[in-house]
C-alpha atoms as a PDB file:
ATOM      1  CA  UNK A   1     -43.918 -52.741 -17.089  1.00  0.00           C
ATOM      2  CA  UNK A   2     -42.406 -56.051 -17.097  1.00  0.00           C
ATOM      3  CA  UNK A   3     -43.165 -58.534 -14.326  1.00  0.00           C
ATOM      4  CA  UNK A   4     -40.201 -60.676 -14.029  1.00  0.00           C
ATOM      5  CA  UNK A   5     -37.900 -59.854 -11.272  1.00  0.00           C
ATOM      6  CA  UNK A   6     -34.675 -59.458 -13.220  1.00  0.00           C
ATOM      7  CA  UNK A   7     -36.132 -57.453 -15.685  1.00  0.00           C
ATOM      8  CA  UNK A   8     -37.355 -55.002 -12.994  1.00  0.00           C
ATOM      9  CA  UNK A   9     -33.938 -54.774 -11.574  1.00  0.00           C
ATOM     10  CA  UNK A  10     -32.279 -52.029 -13.502  1.00  0.00           C
ATOM     11  CA  UNK A  11     -33.900 -49.141 -15.794  1.00  0.00           C
ATOM     12  CA  UNK A  12     -33.033 -45.837 -17.269  1.00  0.00           C
ATOM     13  CA  UNK A  13     -34.795 -42.662 -16.059  1.00  0.00           C
ATOM     14  CA  UNK A  14     -34.948 -38.883 -16.453  1.00  0.00           C
ATOM     15  CA  UNK A  15     -34.422 -36.632 -13.500  1.00  0.00           C
ATOM     16  CA  UNK A  16     -37.754 -34.330 -12.638  1.00  0.00           C
ATOM     17  CA  UNK A  17     -36.511 -32.934  -9.260  1.00  0.00           C
ATOM     18  CA  UNK A  18     -33.637 -33.220  -6.675  1.00  0.00           C
ATOM     19  CA  UNK A  19     -33.617 -32.886  -2.761  1.00  0.00           C
ATOM     20  CA  UNK A  20     -29.947 -32.148  -1.576  1.00  0.00           C
ATOM     21  CA  UNK A  21     -30.931 -31.221   1.823  1.00  0.00           C
ATOM     22  CA  UNK A  22     -31.199 -34.707   3.174  1.00  0.00           C
ATOM     23  CA  UNK A  23     -28.071 -36.772   4.256  1.00  0.00           C
ATOM     24  CA  UNK A  24     -28.565 -39.050   1.138  1.00  0.00           C
ATOM     25  CA  UNK A  25     -29.544 -37.084  -1.915  1.00  0.00           C
ATOM     26  CA  UNK A  26     -33.072 -38.179  -3.390  1.00  0.00           C
ATOM     27  CA  UNK A  27     -34.427 -37.524  -6.789  1.00  0.00           C
ATOM     28  CA  UNK A  28     -37.687 -37.572  -8.664  1.00  0.00           C
ATOM     29  CA  UNK A  29     -37.533 -39.731 -11.461  1.00  0.00           C
ATOM     30  CA  UNK A  30     -39.600 -40.654 -14.752  1.00  0.00           C
ATOM     31  CA  UNK A  31     -38.934 -44.085 -15.794  1.00  0.00           C
ATOM     32  CA  UNK A  32     -39.232 -45.576 -18.944  1.00  0.00           C
ATOM     33  CA  UNK A  33     -42.782 -45.948 -20.220  1.00  0.00           C
ATOM     34  CA  UNK A  34     -43.729 -42.798 -18.024  1.00  0.00           C
ATOM     35  CA  UNK A  35     -43.496 -44.471 -14.698  1.00  0.00           C
ATOM     36  CA  UNK A  36     -42.839 -42.019 -12.080  1.00  0.00           C
ATOM     37  CA  UNK A  37     -40.821 -42.283  -8.758  1.00  0.00           C
ATOM     38  CA  UNK A  38     -40.400 -39.838  -5.845  1.00  0.00           C
ATOM     39  CA  UNK A  39     -37.758 -39.686  -3.364  1.00  0.00           C
ATOM     40  CA  UNK A  40     -35.573 -42.316  -4.797  1.00  0.00           C
ATOM     41  CA  UNK A  41     -32.082 -42.213  -2.984  1.00  0.00           C
ATOM     42  CA  UNK A  42     -29.120 -41.189  -5.059  1.00  0.00           C
ATOM     43  CA  UNK A  43     -25.628 -42.692  -3.872  1.00  0.00           C
ATOM     44  CA  UNK A  44     -22.772 -40.618  -4.844  1.00  0.00           C
ATOM     45  CA  UNK A  45     -19.152 -41.481  -4.768  1.00  0.00           C
ATOM     46  CA  UNK A  46     -17.279 -40.581  -1.514  1.00  0.00           C
ATOM     47  CA  UNK A  47     -16.080 -37.224  -1.631  1.00  0.00           C
ATOM     48  CA  UNK A  48     -18.209 -36.144  -4.696  1.00  0.00           C
ATOM     49  CA  UNK A  49     -21.519 -34.645  -4.779  1.00  0.00           C
ATOM     50  CA  UNK A  50     -23.645 -32.530  -7.426  1.00  0.00           C
ATOM     51  CA  UNK A  51     -27.276 -31.295  -7.914  1.00  0.00           C
ATOM     52  CA  UNK A  52     -27.987 -32.331 -11.460  1.00  0.00           C
ATOM     53  CA  UNK A  53     -30.354 -30.364 -13.457  1.00  0.00           C
ATOM     54  CA  UNK A  54     -33.980 -31.547 -14.514  1.00  0.00           C
ATOM     55  CA  UNK A  55     -33.692 -33.463 -17.775  1.00  0.00           C
ATOM     56  CA  UNK A  56     -30.405 -35.233 -16.613  1.00  0.00           C
ATOM     57  CA  UNK A  57     -30.203 -39.098 -17.179  1.00  0.00           C
ATOM     58  CA  UNK A  58     -30.074 -41.758 -14.621  1.00  0.00           C
ATOM     59  CA  UNK A  59     -29.363 -45.448 -14.182  1.00  0.00           C
ATOM     60  CA  UNK A  60     -31.660 -46.797 -11.349  1.00  0.00           C
ATOM     61  CA  UNK A  61     -31.311 -50.251  -9.463  1.00  0.00           C
ATOM     62  CA  UNK A  62     -34.223 -51.921  -7.758  1.00  0.00           C
ATOM     63  CA  UNK A  63     -32.701 -54.731  -5.350  1.00  0.00           C
ATOM     64  CA  UNK A  64     -34.498 -57.850  -5.978  1.00  0.00           C
ATOM     65  CA  UNK A  65     -36.702 -56.278  -8.650  1.00  0.00           C
ATOM     66  CA  UNK A  66     -38.694 -54.505  -6.119  1.00  0.00           C
ATOM     67  CA  UNK A  67     -39.926 -51.456  -7.734  1.00  0.00           C
ATOM     68  CA  UNK A  68     -40.990 -49.869  -4.394  1.00  0.00           C
ATOM     69  CA  UNK A  69     -37.548 -49.326  -3.219  1.00  0.00           C
ATOM     70  CA  UNK A  70     -34.999 -47.854  -6.133  1.00  0.00           C
ATOM     71  CA  UNK A  71     -31.400 -46.410  -5.855  1.00  0.00           C
ATOM     72  CA  UNK A  72     -30.088 -44.245  -8.638  1.00  0.00           C
ATOM     73  CA  UNK A  73     -26.263 -45.040  -8.955  1.00  0.00           C
ATOM     74  CA  UNK A  74     -25.365 -43.167 -11.988  1.00  0.00           C
ATOM     75  CA  UNK A  75     -26.645 -39.451 -12.845  1.00  0.00           C
ATOM     76  CA  UNK A  76     -25.189 -37.978 -16.183  1.00  0.00           C
ATOM     77  CA  UNK A  77     -26.394 -34.961 -18.432  1.00  0.00           C
ATOM     78  CA  UNK A  78     -25.258 -35.195 -21.941  1.00  0.00           C
ATOM     79  CA  UNK A  79     -26.251 -31.588 -22.610  1.00  0.00           C
ATOM     80  CA  UNK A  80     -23.254 -30.212 -20.721  1.00  0.00           C
ATOM     81  CA  UNK A  81     -20.623 -33.123 -20.838  1.00  0.00           C
ATOM     82  CA  UNK A  82     -17.123 -31.843 -21.926  1.00  0.00           C
ATOM     83  CA  UNK A  83     -16.459 -33.443 -25.213  1.00  0.00           C
ATOM     84  CA  UNK A  84     -13.004 -34.119 -26.937  1.00  0.00           C
ATOM     85  CA  UNK A  85     -11.045 -35.242 -24.199  1.00  0.00           C
ATOM     86  CA  UNK A  86      -7.780 -36.994 -24.771  1.00  0.00           C
ATOM     87  CA  UNK A  87      -7.394 -40.580 -23.714  1.00  0.00           C
ATOM     88  CA  UNK A  88      -6.533 -40.393 -20.158  1.00  0.00           C
ATOM     89  CA  UNK A  89      -7.899 -37.055 -19.283  1.00  0.00           C
ATOM     90  CA  UNK A  90     -10.372 -36.420 -16.342  1.00  0.00           C
ATOM     91  CA  UNK A  91     -12.611 -33.429 -15.893  1.00  0.00           C
ATOM     92  CA  UNK A  92     -15.249 -31.921 -13.337  1.00  0.00           C
ATOM     93  CA  UNK A  93     -17.606 -29.559 -15.034  1.00  0.00           C
ATOM     94  CA  UNK A  94     -21.166 -27.975 -14.655  1.00  0.00           C
ATOM     95  CA  UNK A  95     -23.914 -26.539 -16.770  1.00  0.00           C
ATOM     96  CA  UNK A  96     -22.281 -22.838 -16.645  1.00  0.00           C
ATOM     97  CA  UNK A  97     -19.026 -23.630 -18.369  1.00  0.00           C
ATOM     98  CA  UNK A  98     -16.863 -23.992 -15.194  1.00  0.00           C
ATOM     99  CA  UNK A  99     -14.609 -26.869 -15.199  1.00  0.00           C
ATOM    100  CA  UNK A 100     -11.270 -28.488 -14.051  1.00  0.00           C
ATOM    101  CA  UNK A 101      -9.678 -30.641 -16.431  1.00  0.00           C
ATOM    102  CA  UNK A 102      -6.630 -32.933 -15.863  1.00  0.00           C
ATOM    103  CA  UNK A 103      -5.196 -32.687 -19.477  1.00  0.00           C
ATOM    104  CA  UNK A 104      -2.106 -34.545 -20.894  1.00  0.00           C
ATOM    105  CA  UNK A 105      -0.362 -31.019 -20.642  1.00  0.00           C
ATOM    106  CA  UNK A 106      -1.551 -30.014 -17.091  1.00  0.00           C
ATOM    107  CA  UNK A 107      -4.296 -28.999 -14.823  1.00  0.00           C
ATOM    108  CA  UNK A 108      -6.760 -26.341 -16.475  1.00  0.00           C
ATOM    109  CA  UNK A 109      -9.169 -24.316 -14.267  1.00  0.00           C
ATOM    110  CA  UNK A 110     -12.044 -22.766 -16.159  1.00  0.00           C
ATOM    111  CA  UNK A 111     -13.875 -20.291 -14.279  1.00  0.00           C
ATOM    112  CA  UNK A 112     -16.668 -19.834 -16.675  1.00  0.00           C
ATOM    113  CA  UNK A 113     -16.388 -15.999 -16.243  1.00  0.00           C
ATOM    114  CA  UNK A 114     -17.031 -16.200 -12.691  1.00  0.00           C
ATOM    115  CA  UNK A 115     -14.648 -15.658  -9.544  1.00  0.00           C
ATOM    116  CA  UNK A 116     -12.323 -18.389  -8.325  1.00  0.00           C
ATOM    117  CA  UNK A 117     -12.213 -18.047  -4.403  1.00  0.00           C
ATOM    118  CA  UNK A 118     -10.020 -19.702  -2.025  1.00  0.00           C
ATOM    119  CA  UNK A 119     -11.297 -19.416   1.642  1.00  0.00           C
ATOM    120  CA  UNK A 120     -10.977 -20.669   5.221  1.00  0.00           C
ATOM    121  CA  UNK A 121      -7.277 -21.677   5.056  1.00  0.00           C
ATOM    122  CA  UNK A 122      -4.128 -20.622   7.249  1.00  0.00           C
ATOM    123  CA  UNK A 123      -2.187 -19.746   4.232  1.00  0.00           C
ATOM    124  CA  UNK A 124      -1.803 -20.792   0.469  1.00  0.00           C
ATOM    125  CA  UNK A 125       1.646 -22.270  -0.513  1.00  0.00           C
ATOM    126  CA  UNK A 126       3.011 -22.433  -4.059  1.00  0.00           C
ATOM    127  CA  UNK A 127       6.257 -24.402  -4.559  1.00  0.00           C
ATOM    128  CA  UNK A 128       6.647 -23.110  -7.866  1.00  0.00           C
ATOM    129  CA  UNK A 129       7.206 -19.684 -10.015  1.00  0.00           C
ATOM    130  CA  UNK A 130       4.012 -17.818 -10.425  1.00  0.00           C
ATOM    131  CA  UNK A 131       2.975 -15.998 -13.559  1.00  0.00           C
ATOM    132  CA  UNK A 132       0.051 -13.725 -14.187  1.00  0.00           C
ATOM    133  CA  UNK A 133      -1.105 -12.116 -17.646  1.00  0.00           C
ATOM    134  CA  UNK A 134      -3.675 -10.045 -15.953  1.00  0.00           C
ATOM    135  CA  UNK A 135      -3.662  -7.563 -13.109  1.00  0.00           C
ATOM    136  CA  UNK A 136      -3.023  -8.842  -9.506  1.00  0.00           C
ATOM    137  CA  UNK A 137      -4.727  -6.788  -6.848  1.00  0.00           C
ATOM    138  CA  UNK A 138      -4.059  -7.693  -3.189  1.00  0.00           C
ATOM    139  CA  UNK A 139      -2.829  -6.799   0.356  1.00  0.00           C
ATOM    140  CA  UNK A 140       0.840  -8.006   0.019  1.00  0.00           C
ATOM    141  CA  UNK A 141       3.052  -8.601   3.157  1.00  0.00           C
ATOM    142  CA  UNK A 142       6.351 -10.158   3.227  1.00  0.00           C
ATOM    143  CA  UNK A 143       8.520 -11.299   6.095  1.00  0.00           C
ATOM    144  CA  UNK A 144      11.696 -10.226   4.345  1.00  0.00           C
ATOM    145  CA  UNK A 145      10.268  -6.938   3.695  1.00  0.00           C
ATOM    146  CA  UNK A 146      10.991  -6.961  -0.116  1.00  0.00           C
ATOM    147  CA  UNK A 147       8.360  -7.080  -2.900  1.00  0.00           C
ATOM    148  CA  UNK A 148       9.865  -7.814  -6.427  1.00  0.00           C
ATOM    149  CA  UNK A 149       7.965  -7.608  -9.955  1.00  0.00           C
ATOM    150  CA  UNK A 150       9.192  -7.780 -13.293  1.00  0.00           C
ATOM    151  CA  UNK A 151       7.073  -5.002 -14.527  1.00  0.00           C
ATOM    152  CA  UNK A 152       5.207  -2.246 -12.720  1.00  0.00           C
ATOM    153  CA  UNK A 153       3.775  -2.143  -9.119  1.00  0.00           C
ATOM    154  CA  UNK A 154       0.507  -0.396  -8.468  1.00  0.00           C
ATOM    155  CA  UNK A 155      -0.763   0.727  -4.895  1.00  0.00           C
ATOM    156  CA  UNK A 156      -4.105   2.325  -5.384  1.00  0.00           C
ATOM    157  CA  UNK A 157      -3.939   4.847  -7.969  1.00  0.00           C
ATOM    158  CA  UNK A 158      -0.027   5.240  -7.677  1.00  0.00           C
ATOM    159  CA  UNK A 159       2.231   3.454  -9.984  1.00  0.00           C
ATOM    160  CA  UNK A 160       5.794   2.216  -9.436  1.00  0.00           C
ATOM    161  CA  UNK A 161       7.345   2.076 -12.642  1.00  0.00           C
ATOM    162  CA  UNK A 162      10.044  -0.712 -13.390  1.00  0.00           C
ATOM    163  CA  UNK A 163      12.353   2.261 -14.464  1.00  0.00           C
ATOM    164  CA  UNK A 164      12.338   3.640 -10.913  1.00  0.00           C
ATOM    165  CA  UNK A 165       9.693   6.377 -11.588  1.00  0.00           C
ATOM    166  CA  UNK A 166       6.756   7.071  -9.482  1.00  0.00           C
ATOM    167  CA  UNK A 167       3.418   8.207 -10.755  1.00  0.00           C
ATOM    168  CA  UNK A 168       0.719   9.605  -8.364  1.00  0.00           C
ATOM    169  CA  UNK A 169      -1.457  12.660  -7.508  1.00  0.00           C
ATOM    170  CA  UNK A 170       1.288  14.063  -5.202  1.00  0.00           C
ATOM    171  CA  UNK A 171       3.332  14.786  -8.352  1.00  0.00           C
ATOM    172  CA  UNK A 172       0.775  16.374 -10.373  1.00  0.00           C
ATOM    173  CA  UNK A 173       1.047  19.796  -8.791  1.00  0.00           C
ATOM    174  CA  UNK A 174      -2.661  19.815  -7.960  1.00  0.00           C
ATOM    175  CA  UNK A 175      -3.522  19.311 -11.485  1.00  0.00           C
ATOM    176  CA  UNK A 176      -4.298  15.429 -11.339  1.00  0.00           C
ATOM    177  CA  UNK A 177      -1.583  12.616 -11.007  1.00  0.00           C
ATOM    178  CA  UNK A 178       1.764  13.053 -12.701  1.00  0.00           C
ATOM    179  CA  UNK A 179       5.220  11.422 -12.929  1.00  0.00           C
ATOM    180  CA  UNK A 180       7.841  12.238 -10.374  1.00  0.00           C
ATOM    181  CA  UNK A 181      10.661  12.702 -13.111  1.00  0.00           C
ATOM    182  CA  UNK A 182       8.493  15.286 -14.711  1.00  0.00           C
ATOM    183  CA  UNK A 183       7.835  17.035 -11.099  1.00  0.00           C
ATOM    184  CA  UNK A 184      11.757  17.318 -10.659  1.00  0.00           C
ATOM    185  CA  UNK A 185      12.177  18.467 -13.983  1.00  0.00           C
ATOM    186  CA  UNK A 186       9.717  21.457 -13.653  1.00  0.00           C
ATOM    187  CA  UNK A 187      11.599  22.779 -10.503  1.00  0.00           C
ATOM    188  CA  UNK A 188      14.615  25.228 -10.644  1.00  0.00           C
ATOM    189  CA  UNK A 189      18.078  23.602 -10.872  1.00  0.00           C
ATOM    190  CA  UNK A 190      19.657  22.979  -7.496  1.00  0.00           C
ATOM    191  CA  UNK A 191      23.352  23.594  -6.480  1.00  0.00           C
ATOM    192  CA  UNK A 192      25.379  20.839  -5.408  1.00  0.00           C
ATOM    193  CA  UNK A 193      28.629  21.017  -3.353  1.00  0.00           C
ATOM    194  CA  UNK A 194      31.549  19.823  -5.505  1.00  0.00           C
ATOM    195  CA  UNK A 195      34.442  20.769  -3.328  1.00  0.00           C
ATOM    196  CA  UNK A 196      35.295  21.832   0.094  1.00  0.00           C
ATOM    197  CA  UNK A 197      38.785  23.075   1.248  1.00  0.00           C
ATOM    198  CA  UNK A 198      40.887  25.952   2.238  1.00  0.00           C
ATOM    199  CA  UNK A 199      42.412  28.727   0.317  1.00  0.00           C
ATOM    200  CA  UNK A 200      45.936  28.134  -0.647  1.00  0.00           C
ATOM    201  CA  UNK A 201      47.016  31.674   0.622  1.00  0.00           C
ATOM    202  CA  UNK A 202      45.163  31.654   3.867  1.00  0.00           C
ATOM    203  CA  UNK A 203      44.562  28.348   5.350  1.00  0.00           C
ATOM    204  CA  UNK A 204      42.188  29.852   7.962  1.00  0.00           C
ATOM    205  CA  UNK A 205      39.527  30.666   5.467  1.00  0.00           C
ATOM    206  CA  UNK A 206      37.520  27.433   4.416  1.00  0.00           C
ATOM    207  CA  UNK A 207      35.215  27.382   1.387  1.00  0.00           C
ATOM    208  CA  UNK A 208      32.465  25.390  -0.446  1.00  0.00           C
ATOM    209  CA  UNK A 209      32.701  25.261  -4.234  1.00  0.00           C
ATOM    210  CA  UNK A 210      29.266  24.718  -6.113  1.00  0.00           C
ATOM    211  CA  UNK A 211      28.536  22.805  -9.317  1.00  0.00           C
ATOM    212  CA  UNK A 212      27.820  26.151 -10.880  1.00  0.00           C
ATOM    213  CA  UNK A 213      31.282  27.528 -10.152  1.00  0.00           C
ATOM    214  CA  UNK A 214      30.056  29.740  -7.256  1.00  0.00           C
ATOM    215  CA  UNK A 215      31.486  29.672  -3.930  1.00  0.00           C
ATOM    216  CA  UNK A 216      31.046  30.600  -0.396  1.00  0.00           C
ATOM    217  CA  UNK A 217      33.150  31.021   2.541  1.00  0.00           C
ATOM    218  CA  UNK A 218      32.685  28.929   5.689  1.00  0.00           C
ATOM    219  CA  UNK A 219      32.954  30.655   9.006  1.00  0.00           C
ATOM    220  CA  UNK A 220      35.122  28.830  11.616  1.00  0.00           C
ATOM    221  CA  UNK A 221      34.895  28.913  15.271  1.00  0.00           C
ATOM    222  CA  UNK A 222      37.823  31.254  15.337  1.00  0.00           C
ATOM    223  CA  UNK A 223      36.201  33.664  12.851  1.00  0.00           C
ATOM    224  CA  UNK A 224      32.960  33.914  14.623  1.00  0.00           C
ATOM    225  CA  UNK A 225      34.636  34.489  18.131  1.00  0.00           C
ATOM    226  CA  UNK A 226      35.891  37.826  16.777  1.00  0.00           C
ATOM    227  CA  UNK A 227      32.260  39.010  16.324  1.00  0.00           C
ATOM    228  CA  UNK A 228      29.918  40.413  18.638  1.00  0.00           C
ATOM    229  CA  UNK A 229      27.883  37.637  20.364  1.00  0.00           C
ATOM    230  CA  UNK A 230      25.434  39.552  22.531  1.00  0.00           C
ATOM    231  CA  UNK A 231      24.622  43.221  23.638  1.00  0.00           C
ATOM    232  CA  UNK A 232      23.603  44.370  27.189  1.00  0.00           C
ATOM    233  CA  UNK A 233      22.891  47.302  29.545  1.00  0.00           C
ATOM    234  CA  UNK A 234      24.283  47.780  32.976  1.00  0.00           C
ATOM    235  CA  UNK A 235      22.355  48.676  36.050  1.00  0.00           C
ATOM    236  CA  UNK A 236      20.670  52.122  36.076  1.00  0.00           C
ATOM    237  CA  UNK A 237      22.800  54.993  37.587  1.00  0.00           C
ATOM    238  CA  UNK A 238      22.273  58.852  38.233  1.00  0.00           C
ATOM    239  CA  UNK A 239      24.519  61.537  37.192  1.00  0.00           C
ATOM    240  CA  UNK A 240      24.188  65.400  37.715  1.00  0.00           C
ATOM    241  CA  UNK A 241      23.932  67.978  35.112  1.00  0.00           C
ATOM    242  CA  UNK A 242      26.284  70.898  35.282  1.00  0.00           C
ATOM    243  CA  UNK A 243      25.682  74.041  33.141  1.00  0.00           C
ATOM    244  CA  UNK A 244      29.474  75.096  33.268  1.00  0.00           C
ATOM    245  CA  UNK A 245      32.145  74.815  30.455  1.00  0.00           C
ATOM    246  CA  UNK A 246      34.536  71.936  30.523  1.00  0.00           C
ATOM    247  CA  UNK A 247      32.423  69.185  31.879  1.00  0.00           C
ATOM    248  CA  UNK A 248      32.290  65.663  30.291  1.00  0.00           C
ATOM    249  CA  UNK A 249      30.683  62.543  31.554  1.00  0.00           C
ATOM    250  CA  UNK A 250      32.330  58.928  31.652  1.00  0.00           C
ATOM    251  CA  UNK A 251      32.938  56.802  28.591  1.00  0.00           C
ATOM    252  CA  UNK A 252      30.724  53.750  27.966  1.00  0.00           C
ATOM    253  CA  UNK A 253      27.262  55.158  29.019  1.00  0.00           C
ATOM    254  CA  UNK A 254      24.056  55.803  27.371  1.00  0.00           C
ATOM    255  CA  UNK A 255      21.533  58.111  28.594  1.00  0.00           C
ATOM    256  CA  UNK A 256      18.170  56.370  29.207  1.00  0.00           C
ATOM    257  CA  UNK A 257      16.313  59.131  30.969  1.00  0.00           C
ATOM    258  CA  UNK A 258      16.169  62.626  32.738  1.00  0.00           C
ATOM    259  CA  UNK A 259      14.851  63.938  36.070  1.00  0.00           C
ATOM    260  CA  UNK A 260      13.559  67.335  36.855  1.00  0.00           C
ATOM    261  CA  UNK A 261      12.601  67.950  40.342  1.00  0.00           C
ATOM    262  CA  UNK A 262      11.592  71.499  40.398  1.00  0.00           C
ATOM    263  CA  UNK A 263       9.443  73.937  38.579  1.00  0.00           C
ATOM    264  CA  UNK A 264      12.054  75.212  36.082  1.00  0.00           C
ATOM    265  CA  UNK A 265      12.618  73.804  32.510  1.00  0.00           C
ATOM    266  CA  UNK A 266      16.259  72.513  33.385  1.00  0.00           C
ATOM    267  CA  UNK A 267      16.522  68.810  34.080  1.00  0.00           C
ATOM    268  CA  UNK A 268      18.721  68.205  37.367  1.00  0.00           C
ATOM    269  CA  UNK A 269      19.774  64.702  36.908  1.00  0.00           C
ATOM    270  CA  UNK A 270      20.129  62.205  34.119  1.00  0.00           C
ATOM    271  CA  UNK A 271      19.614  58.276  34.066  1.00  0.00           C
ATOM    272  CA  UNK A 272      22.450  56.400  32.475  1.00  0.00           C
ATOM    273  CA  UNK A 273      23.452  52.724  31.981  1.00  0.00           C
ATOM    274  CA  UNK A 274      26.743  51.283  30.575  1.00  0.00           C
ATOM    275  CA  UNK A 275      26.505  49.588  27.240  1.00  0.00           C
ATOM    276  CA  UNK A 276      28.566  46.193  26.921  1.00  0.00           C
ATOM    277  CA  UNK A 277      29.304  43.901  24.323  1.00  0.00           C
ATOM    278  CA  UNK A 278      30.236  40.071  24.527  1.00  0.00           C
ATOM    279  CA  UNK A 279      33.096  39.065  22.339  1.00  0.00           C
ATOM    280  CA  UNK A 280      34.614  35.743  22.281  1.00  0.00           C
ATOM    281  CA  UNK A 281      32.766  34.787  25.701  1.00  0.00           C
ATOM    282  CA  UNK A 282      34.049  38.018  27.486  1.00  0.00           C
ATOM    283  CA  UNK A 283      31.997  41.335  28.353  1.00  0.00           C
ATOM    284  CA  UNK A 284      33.462  44.509  27.252  1.00  0.00           C
ATOM    285  CA  UNK A 285      32.254  48.324  28.097  1.00  0.00           C
ATOM    286  CA  UNK A 286      32.086  50.365  24.707  1.00  0.00           C
ATOM    287  CA  UNK A 287      34.501  53.136  24.627  1.00  0.00           C
ATOM    288  CA  UNK A 288      36.479  51.589  27.524  1.00  0.00           C
END
């Protein structure tokens, strides 16, 4: 080790240890000629910090040539430095192949095969078009209520094709996922109404014409009013039985029971009720 103070002010070293817990990072160093130093402060540029691997190289200053107090001012690692940068380009990198490079053509972020995570922000704002050559999997919400895509959209295992078709488990008929178009095609043809009108020779009879040429009548209120709307019985009444020729009971009654008050086998009285029909809102006695 040289003894002149000026010769002792600056030297090169190899990193042997790093302590990143302290407010000022410290390093263990192996100086030229094998001299070792522990807990040497590493002053880093404001806003930048790193934890170099053992074997990285450092430039160390000793103010006033005092070897008892050194400061590492530059730490580099030629093993992992990005090579071949163009003039004016800048890069951040590590030993795993991750890097951010400000190239002459634009900014390139290389994740080194690892996730790129954005966290603890109220939102991410991109004031430019966004293009992806891989899958995008996310919960998507938009205040406008519209999600647009140049290709297909996927929600879970369901696919919304750009041609309007839909693929999913519900359309497979219980045999796995399928396309909506195939599901519809497998169903019987449906009839669709192509015309609604009235017959030329009878304007009171409306009709519907199906796409297969078949037609059906449509009942109007007037037509329905001519049909029986309801049926009811009147109150229970009693009538005597006569065993003589020429007897007839009143019209409109229905026998609902008989009574025999003595020991013989001939009924004495009958139970009868009026039978009434409701037509066009009015009650009518049958046969009256």
